Amino acid sequence: MSDTEMTKQDPNDNDLRQSDALAFILHQDKLMWGRVQTIALVQLAGLGAAYAVRDVRWLSVSALVLCAVLTFLIHGLLRVDEAQRRKIHAKYVRGLNWRTPRRFFAPLRGGETAWVVFLVMIATDIVFGCLIWSNELPAS
């Protein structure tokens, strides 16, 4: 049997090979981590821009609002990815034990950590915006 025949699967077949299922899980993990990093970079850029133009309040707050909107959009993509992952995982990945024994206890899962990062970033935007609007930050 050739390699191409081995990789061809019946489109109606609901079972994936374990290597395909594991590749899917790893891809989704990398995708989620990449989106969390993107949220952090957008927030860092937005906070830097808001601080750089803090003398012009409306421009500074506009940068923070744009930053928050982008953060909400990226977080929405994270939620869609997580829902899709659950759907595909329930449909195709049956009987695959891909969990390794824990060496230490992690209080949060990856999706929960993404929520925490999202909430902290939005709270930072709000606090920083309030500081800029009330002229609490020293002008340059």
N, C-alpha and C. Protein backbone atom coordinates (compact mmCIF):
# COMPACT_ATOMS: atom_id res chain seq x y z
N MET A 1 0.84 -1.17 0.00
CA MET A 1 0.00 0.00 0.00
C MET A 1 0.89 1.24 0.00
N SER A 2 0.64 2.17 -0.92
CA SER A 2 1.48 3.36 -1.02
C SER A 2 1.08 4.39 0.04
N ASP A 3 1.95 5.39 0.20
CA ASP A 3 1.69 6.43 1.19
C ASP A 3 0.44 7.23 0.85
N THR A 4 0.22 7.48 -0.44
CA THR A 4 -0.97 8.26 -0.81
C THR A 4 -2.25 7.49 -0.54
N GLU A 5 -2.20 6.18 -0.72
CA GLU A 5 -3.38 5.37 -0.41
C GLU A 5 -3.64 5.33 1.08
N MET A 6 -2.57 5.34 1.87
CA MET A 6 -2.73 5.29 3.32
C MET A 6 -3.30 6.60 3.86
N THR A 7 -2.95 7.73 3.22
CA THR A 7 -3.42 9.01 3.74
C THR A 7 -4.82 9.36 3.26
N LYS A 8 -5.28 8.71 2.20
CA LYS A 8 -6.64 8.97 1.73
C LYS A 8 -7.63 8.35 2.70
N GLN A 9 -8.63 9.14 3.03
CA GLN A 9 -9.66 8.64 3.93
C GLN A 9 -11.01 8.84 3.29
N ASP A 10 -11.90 7.97 3.63
CA ASP A 10 -13.26 8.11 3.15
C ASP A 10 -13.87 9.36 3.78
N PRO A 11 -14.46 10.28 2.97
CA PRO A 11 -15.03 11.50 3.55
C PRO A 11 -16.16 11.21 4.53
N ASN A 12 -16.78 10.06 4.43
CA ASN A 12 -17.87 9.72 5.34
C ASN A 12 -17.37 9.04 6.61
N ASP A 13 -16.07 8.76 6.65
CA ASP A 13 -15.50 8.09 7.82
C ASP A 13 -15.34 9.09 8.95
N ASN A 14 -15.90 8.77 10.11
CA ASN A 14 -15.86 9.67 11.26
C ASN A 14 -14.66 9.44 12.16
N ASP A 15 -13.85 8.47 11.84
CA ASP A 15 -12.71 8.16 12.70
C ASP A 15 -11.43 8.70 12.07
N LEU A 16 -10.70 9.44 12.84
CA LEU A 16 -9.39 9.91 12.42
C LEU A 16 -8.34 9.02 13.05
N ARG A 17 -7.21 8.97 12.41
CA ARG A 17 -6.11 8.27 13.03
C ARG A 17 -5.65 9.08 14.23
N GLN A 18 -5.03 8.41 15.17
CA GLN A 18 -4.59 9.11 16.38
C GLN A 18 -3.58 10.20 16.06
N SER A 19 -2.72 9.99 15.09
CA SER A 19 -1.74 11.01 14.73
C SER A 19 -2.44 12.25 14.16
N ASP A 20 -3.50 12.04 13.37
CA ASP A 20 -4.26 13.18 12.84
C ASP A 20 -4.97 13.93 13.96
N ALA A 21 -5.52 13.19 14.89
CA ALA A 21 -6.22 13.82 16.01
C ALA A 21 -5.25 14.61 16.87
N LEU A 22 -4.08 14.05 17.13
CA LEU A 22 -3.09 14.74 17.93
C LEU A 22 -2.57 15.98 17.20
N ALA A 23 -2.39 15.88 15.88
CA ALA A 23 -1.97 17.04 15.10
C ALA A 23 -3.01 18.15 15.17
N PHE A 24 -4.28 17.77 15.13
CA PHE A 24 -5.36 18.76 15.25
C PHE A 24 -5.32 19.45 16.61
N ILE A 25 -5.14 18.68 17.66
CA ILE A 25 -5.11 19.25 19.01
C ILE A 25 -3.92 20.20 19.16
N LEU A 26 -2.76 19.80 18.68
CA LEU A 26 -1.58 20.65 18.77
C LEU A 26 -1.75 21.92 17.95
N HIS A 27 -2.36 21.80 16.77
CA HIS A 27 -2.62 22.98 15.94
C HIS A 27 -3.54 23.96 16.66
N GLN A 28 -4.59 23.45 17.27
CA GLN A 28 -5.52 24.32 17.99
C GLN A 28 -4.84 24.99 19.19
N ASP A 29 -3.97 24.28 19.88
CA ASP A 29 -3.24 24.87 21.00
C ASP A 29 -2.34 26.00 20.53
N LYS A 30 -1.62 25.78 19.43
CA LYS A 30 -0.75 26.82 18.89
C LYS A 30 -1.57 28.02 18.41
N LEU A 31 -2.72 27.76 17.82
CA LEU A 31 -3.58 28.84 17.35
C LEU A 31 -4.06 29.68 18.52
N MET A 32 -4.48 29.02 19.60
CA MET A 32 -4.95 29.77 20.77
C MET A 32 -3.82 30.58 21.38
N TRP A 33 -2.65 30.00 21.52
CA TRP A 33 -1.53 30.71 22.10
C TRP A 33 -1.14 31.90 21.22
N GLY A 34 -1.18 31.73 19.91
CA GLY A 34 -0.89 32.84 19.00
C GLY A 34 -1.88 33.98 19.14
N ARG A 35 -3.15 33.65 19.33
CA ARG A 35 -4.16 34.70 19.51
C ARG A 35 -4.00 35.41 20.85
N VAL A 36 -3.64 34.69 21.89
CA VAL A 36 -3.39 35.33 23.19
C VAL A 36 -2.19 36.28 23.08
N GLN A 37 -1.15 35.86 22.37
CA GLN A 37 -0.01 36.74 22.16
C GLN A 37 -0.40 37.97 21.35
N THR A 38 -1.28 37.79 20.36
CA THR A 38 -1.74 38.93 19.57
C THR A 38 -2.51 39.92 20.43
N ILE A 39 -3.34 39.41 21.34
CA ILE A 39 -4.05 40.30 22.26
C ILE A 39 -3.05 41.11 23.08
N ALA A 40 -2.03 40.45 23.60
CA ALA A 40 -1.03 41.14 24.41
C ALA A 40 -0.30 42.21 23.59
N LEU A 41 0.04 41.90 22.35
CA LEU A 41 0.74 42.87 21.51
C LEU A 41 -0.15 44.05 21.14
N VAL A 42 -1.42 43.80 20.84
CA VAL A 42 -2.35 44.88 20.53
C VAL A 42 -2.50 45.79 21.75
N GLN A 43 -2.61 45.20 22.92
CA GLN A 43 -2.74 45.98 24.14
C GLN A 43 -1.49 46.81 24.40
N LEU A 44 -0.33 46.21 24.23
CA LEU A 44 0.92 46.93 24.45
C LEU A 44 1.03 48.10 23.48
N ALA A 45 0.70 47.88 22.22
CA ALA A 45 0.75 48.96 21.23
C ALA A 45 -0.26 50.05 21.56
N GLY A 46 -1.46 49.66 21.97
CA GLY A 46 -2.49 50.64 22.30
C GLY A 46 -2.12 51.47 23.52
N LEU A 47 -1.59 50.83 24.55
CA LEU A 47 -1.18 51.57 25.74
C LEU A 47 0.00 52.49 25.44
N GLY A 48 0.92 52.03 24.62
CA GLY A 48 2.05 52.88 24.23
C GLY A 48 1.60 54.08 23.41
N ALA A 49 0.68 53.85 22.48
CA ALA A 49 0.17 54.95 21.67
C ALA A 49 -0.60 55.94 22.52
N ALA A 50 -1.41 55.44 23.43
CA ALA A 50 -2.19 56.33 24.30
C ALA A 50 -1.28 57.16 25.20
N TYR A 51 -0.22 56.55 25.68
CA TYR A 51 0.70 57.29 26.54
C TYR A 51 1.50 58.32 25.72
N ALA A 52 1.85 57.96 24.50
CA ALA A 52 2.65 58.87 23.66
C ALA A 52 1.88 60.13 23.30
N VAL A 53 0.58 60.02 23.12
CA VAL A 53 -0.23 61.20 22.74
C VAL A 53 -1.14 61.63 23.89
N ARG A 54 -0.67 61.45 25.12
CA ARG A 54 -1.51 61.74 26.28
C ARG A 54 -1.86 63.22 26.42
N ASP A 55 -1.10 64.11 25.74
CA ASP A 55 -1.42 65.54 25.78
C ASP A 55 -2.73 65.84 25.06
N VAL A 56 -3.04 65.06 24.04
CA VAL A 56 -4.29 65.23 23.29
C VAL A 56 -5.23 64.13 23.80
N ARG A 57 -6.10 64.49 24.72
CA ARG A 57 -6.91 63.49 25.43
C ARG A 57 -7.78 62.67 24.49
N TRP A 58 -8.47 63.32 23.57
CA TRP A 58 -9.41 62.59 22.71
C TRP A 58 -8.66 61.59 21.84
N LEU A 59 -7.46 61.94 21.39
CA LEU A 59 -6.68 61.02 20.56
C LEU A 59 -6.18 59.84 21.39
N SER A 60 -5.77 60.12 22.60
CA SER A 60 -5.29 59.07 23.49
C SER A 60 -6.40 58.08 23.84
N VAL A 61 -7.57 58.62 24.20
CA VAL A 61 -8.70 57.75 24.53
C VAL A 61 -9.18 57.00 23.29
N SER A 62 -9.11 57.64 22.12
CA SER A 62 -9.49 56.95 20.88
C SER A 62 -8.57 55.76 20.61
N ALA A 63 -7.29 55.92 20.89
CA ALA A 63 -6.35 54.80 20.71
C ALA A 63 -6.71 53.65 21.65
N LEU A 64 -7.09 53.99 22.88
CA LEU A 64 -7.48 52.94 23.83
C LEU A 64 -8.78 52.26 23.42
N VAL A 65 -9.72 53.03 22.89
CA VAL A 65 -10.99 52.44 22.44
C VAL A 65 -10.73 51.51 21.26
N LEU A 66 -9.91 51.95 20.30
CA LEU A 66 -9.57 51.09 19.17
C LEU A 66 -8.87 49.82 19.64
N CYS A 67 -7.99 49.97 20.60
CA CYS A 67 -7.29 48.82 21.18
C CYS A 67 -8.28 47.85 21.82
N ALA A 68 -9.25 48.39 22.56
CA ALA A 68 -10.25 47.53 23.21
C ALA A 68 -11.12 46.82 22.18
N VAL A 69 -11.49 47.52 21.11
CA VAL A 69 -12.31 46.90 20.07
C VAL A 69 -11.56 45.75 19.41
N LEU A 70 -10.29 45.98 19.09
CA LEU A 70 -9.48 44.90 18.50
C LEU A 70 -9.33 43.73 19.46
N THR A 71 -9.19 44.03 20.73
CA THR A 71 -9.09 42.97 21.74
C THR A 71 -10.37 42.15 21.80
N PHE A 72 -11.52 42.83 21.76
CA PHE A 72 -12.80 42.11 21.75
C PHE A 72 -12.93 41.23 20.51
N LEU A 73 -12.50 41.74 19.35
CA LEU A 73 -12.59 40.94 18.12
C LEU A 73 -11.70 39.70 18.19
N ILE A 74 -10.48 39.88 18.64
CA ILE A 74 -9.57 38.74 18.74
C ILE A 74 -10.07 37.74 19.78
N HIS A 75 -10.62 38.25 20.87
CA HIS A 75 -11.16 37.36 21.89
C HIS A 75 -12.37 36.60 21.34
N GLY A 76 -13.17 37.25 20.51
CA GLY A 76 -14.28 36.56 19.86
C GLY A 76 -13.79 35.41 18.98
N LEU A 77 -12.67 35.64 18.28
CA LEU A 77 -12.08 34.57 17.48
C LEU A 77 -11.62 33.42 18.38
N LEU A 78 -11.08 33.75 19.54
CA LEU A 78 -10.69 32.71 20.49
C LEU A 78 -11.89 31.86 20.90
N ARG A 79 -13.01 32.50 21.18
CA ARG A 79 -14.22 31.78 21.59
C ARG A 79 -14.73 30.89 20.45
N VAL A 80 -14.70 31.40 19.22
CA VAL A 80 -15.15 30.60 18.07
C VAL A 80 -14.23 29.39 17.89
N ASP A 81 -12.93 29.61 18.01
CA ASP A 81 -11.98 28.50 17.90
C ASP A 81 -12.22 27.45 18.97
N GLU A 82 -12.50 27.90 20.18
CA GLU A 82 -12.73 26.94 21.27
C GLU A 82 -14.00 26.14 21.03
N ALA A 83 -15.05 26.79 20.54
CA ALA A 83 -16.30 26.08 20.25
C ALA A 83 -16.08 25.07 19.11
N GLN A 84 -15.34 25.48 18.09
CA GLN A 84 -15.06 24.58 16.97
C GLN A 84 -14.21 23.40 17.45
N ARG A 85 -13.25 23.68 18.32
CA ARG A 85 -12.41 22.61 18.83
C ARG A 85 -13.24 21.59 19.61
N ARG A 86 -14.15 22.07 20.45
CA ARG A 86 -14.99 21.16 21.22
C ARG A 86 -15.86 20.31 20.29
N LYS A 87 -16.40 20.94 19.26
CA LYS A 87 -17.28 20.23 18.32
C LYS A 87 -16.51 19.14 17.58
N ILE A 88 -15.35 19.49 17.03
CA ILE A 88 -14.56 18.52 16.28
C ILE A 88 -14.00 17.46 17.22
N HIS A 89 -13.60 17.88 18.40
CA HIS A 89 -13.04 16.92 19.36
C HIS A 89 -14.09 15.88 19.74
N ALA A 90 -15.32 16.32 19.97
CA ALA A 90 -16.38 15.38 20.35
C ALA A 90 -16.75 14.45 19.20
N LYS A 91 -16.64 14.96 17.97
CA LYS A 91 -17.05 14.16 16.82
C LYS A 91 -15.98 13.16 16.38
N TYR A 92 -14.73 13.59 16.36
CA TYR A 92 -13.69 12.77 15.75
C TYR A 92 -12.73 12.12 16.73
N VAL A 93 -12.44 12.78 17.81
CA VAL A 93 -11.38 12.30 18.69
C VAL A 93 -12.01 11.47 19.80
N ARG A 94 -12.17 10.19 19.51
CA ARG A 94 -12.73 9.27 20.50
C ARG A 94 -11.68 8.25 20.88
N GLY A 95 -11.54 8.04 22.16
CA GLY A 95 -10.61 7.01 22.61
C GLY A 95 -9.15 7.42 22.58
N LEU A 96 -8.89 8.66 22.29
CA LEU A 96 -7.50 9.11 22.25
C LEU A 96 -7.14 9.69 23.62
N ASN A 97 -6.24 9.04 24.28
CA ASN A 97 -5.78 9.52 25.58
C ASN A 97 -4.51 10.33 25.35
N TRP A 98 -4.65 11.63 25.15
CA TRP A 98 -3.51 12.48 24.86
C TRP A 98 -3.04 13.26 26.08
N ARG A 99 -3.65 13.02 27.20
CA ARG A 99 -3.26 13.73 28.42
C ARG A 99 -2.11 12.99 29.09
N THR A 100 -1.12 13.75 29.43
CA THR A 100 0.02 13.17 30.14
C THR A 100 -0.17 13.39 31.63
N PRO A 101 0.44 12.56 32.45
CA PRO A 101 0.31 12.77 33.90
C PRO A 101 0.89 14.13 34.30
N ARG A 102 0.23 14.79 35.22
CA ARG A 102 0.68 16.12 35.64
C ARG A 102 1.87 16.01 36.58
N ARG A 103 2.79 16.94 36.41
CA ARG A 103 3.90 17.05 37.35
C ARG A 103 3.57 18.05 38.44
N PHE A 104 2.73 19.00 38.12
CA PHE A 104 2.31 20.00 39.08
C PHE A 104 0.86 20.34 38.81
N PHE A 105 0.21 20.95 39.76
CA PHE A 105 -1.19 21.30 39.61
C PHE A 105 -1.30 22.67 38.95
N ALA A 106 -2.04 22.75 37.88
CA ALA A 106 -2.30 24.02 37.21
C ALA A 106 -3.72 24.45 37.56
N PRO A 107 -3.89 25.60 38.21
CA PRO A 107 -5.22 26.00 38.65
C PRO A 107 -6.16 26.39 37.51
N LEU A 108 -5.61 26.79 36.35
CA LEU A 108 -6.44 27.22 35.23
C LEU A 108 -6.08 26.45 33.97
N ARG A 109 -7.10 26.17 33.15
CA ARG A 109 -6.88 25.60 31.82
C ARG A 109 -6.47 26.72 30.87
N GLY A 110 -6.12 26.37 29.65
CA GLY A 110 -5.70 27.36 28.68
C GLY A 110 -6.80 28.36 28.34
N GLY A 111 -8.03 27.87 28.15
CA GLY A 111 -9.14 28.76 27.84
C GLY A 111 -9.47 29.70 28.98
N GLU A 112 -9.34 29.20 30.20
CA GLU A 112 -9.58 30.05 31.37
C GLU A 112 -8.49 31.10 31.51
N THR A 113 -7.27 30.73 31.19
CA THR A 113 -6.17 31.69 31.22
C THR A 113 -6.38 32.78 30.19
N ALA A 114 -6.89 32.41 29.02
CA ALA A 114 -7.18 33.42 27.99
C ALA A 114 -8.24 34.40 28.48
N TRP A 115 -9.24 33.91 29.22
CA TRP A 115 -10.25 34.81 29.80
C TRP A 115 -9.61 35.77 30.78
N VAL A 116 -8.73 35.27 31.63
CA VAL A 116 -8.07 36.13 32.63
C VAL A 116 -7.23 37.20 31.94
N VAL A 117 -6.46 36.80 30.92
CA VAL A 117 -5.65 37.77 30.18
C VAL A 117 -6.55 38.82 29.54
N PHE A 118 -7.64 38.38 28.93
CA PHE A 118 -8.58 39.30 28.29
C PHE A 118 -9.14 40.31 29.29
N LEU A 119 -9.61 39.83 30.44
CA LEU A 119 -10.21 40.72 31.43
C LEU A 119 -9.19 41.69 32.02
N VAL A 120 -7.98 41.22 32.27
CA VAL A 120 -6.93 42.10 32.79
C VAL A 120 -6.59 43.18 31.78
N MET A 121 -6.50 42.82 30.52
CA MET A 121 -6.16 43.80 29.49
C MET A 121 -7.25 44.86 29.33
N ILE A 122 -8.50 44.44 29.33
CA ILE A 122 -9.60 45.41 29.22
C ILE A 122 -9.64 46.31 30.45
N ALA A 123 -9.43 45.74 31.63
CA ALA A 123 -9.40 46.56 32.86
C ALA A 123 -8.25 47.56 32.81
N THR A 124 -7.11 47.15 32.28
CA THR A 124 -5.98 48.06 32.14
C THR A 124 -6.33 49.21 31.20
N ASP A 125 -7.01 48.91 30.10
CA ASP A 125 -7.45 49.96 29.18
C ASP A 125 -8.35 50.96 29.89
N ILE A 126 -9.29 50.46 30.66
CA ILE A 126 -10.24 51.34 31.35
C ILE A 126 -9.53 52.22 32.37
N VAL A 127 -8.66 51.63 33.18
CA VAL A 127 -7.95 52.40 34.21
C VAL A 127 -7.02 53.43 33.56
N PHE A 128 -6.29 53.01 32.54
CA PHE A 128 -5.38 53.92 31.86
C PHE A 128 -6.15 55.05 31.19
N GLY A 129 -7.29 54.74 30.58
CA GLY A 129 -8.12 55.77 29.96
C GLY A 129 -8.64 56.77 30.98
N CYS A 130 -9.04 56.27 32.15
CA CYS A 130 -9.51 57.18 33.21
C CYS A 130 -8.39 58.07 33.71
N LEU A 131 -7.18 57.53 33.84
CA LEU A 131 -6.04 58.34 34.27
C LEU A 131 -5.71 59.42 33.25
N ILE A 132 -5.77 59.07 31.98
CA ILE A 132 -5.50 60.06 30.94
C ILE A 132 -6.58 61.12 30.92
N TRP A 133 -7.83 60.70 30.99
CA TRP A 133 -8.95 61.65 30.91
C TRP A 133 -8.96 62.62 32.09
N SER A 134 -8.54 62.15 33.25
CA SER A 134 -8.55 63.02 34.44
C SER A 134 -7.24 63.78 34.62
N ASN A 135 -6.34 63.72 33.65
CA ASN A 135 -5.05 64.42 33.68
C ASN A 135 -4.18 64.00 34.86
N GLU A 136 -4.28 62.77 35.29
CA GLU A 136 -3.45 62.27 36.39
C GLU A 136 -2.04 61.91 35.93
N LEU A 137 -1.88 61.64 34.64
CA LEU A 137 -0.55 61.32 34.12
C LEU A 137 0.17 62.62 33.79
N PRO A 138 1.43 62.74 34.13
CA PRO A 138 2.15 63.98 33.85
C PRO A 138 2.32 64.19 32.35
N ALA A 139 2.16 65.42 31.92
CA ALA A 139 2.32 65.75 30.50
C ALA A 139 3.80 65.76 30.15
N SER A 140 4.08 65.53 28.89
CA SER A 140 5.48 65.50 28.46
C SER A 140 5.99 66.88 28.16
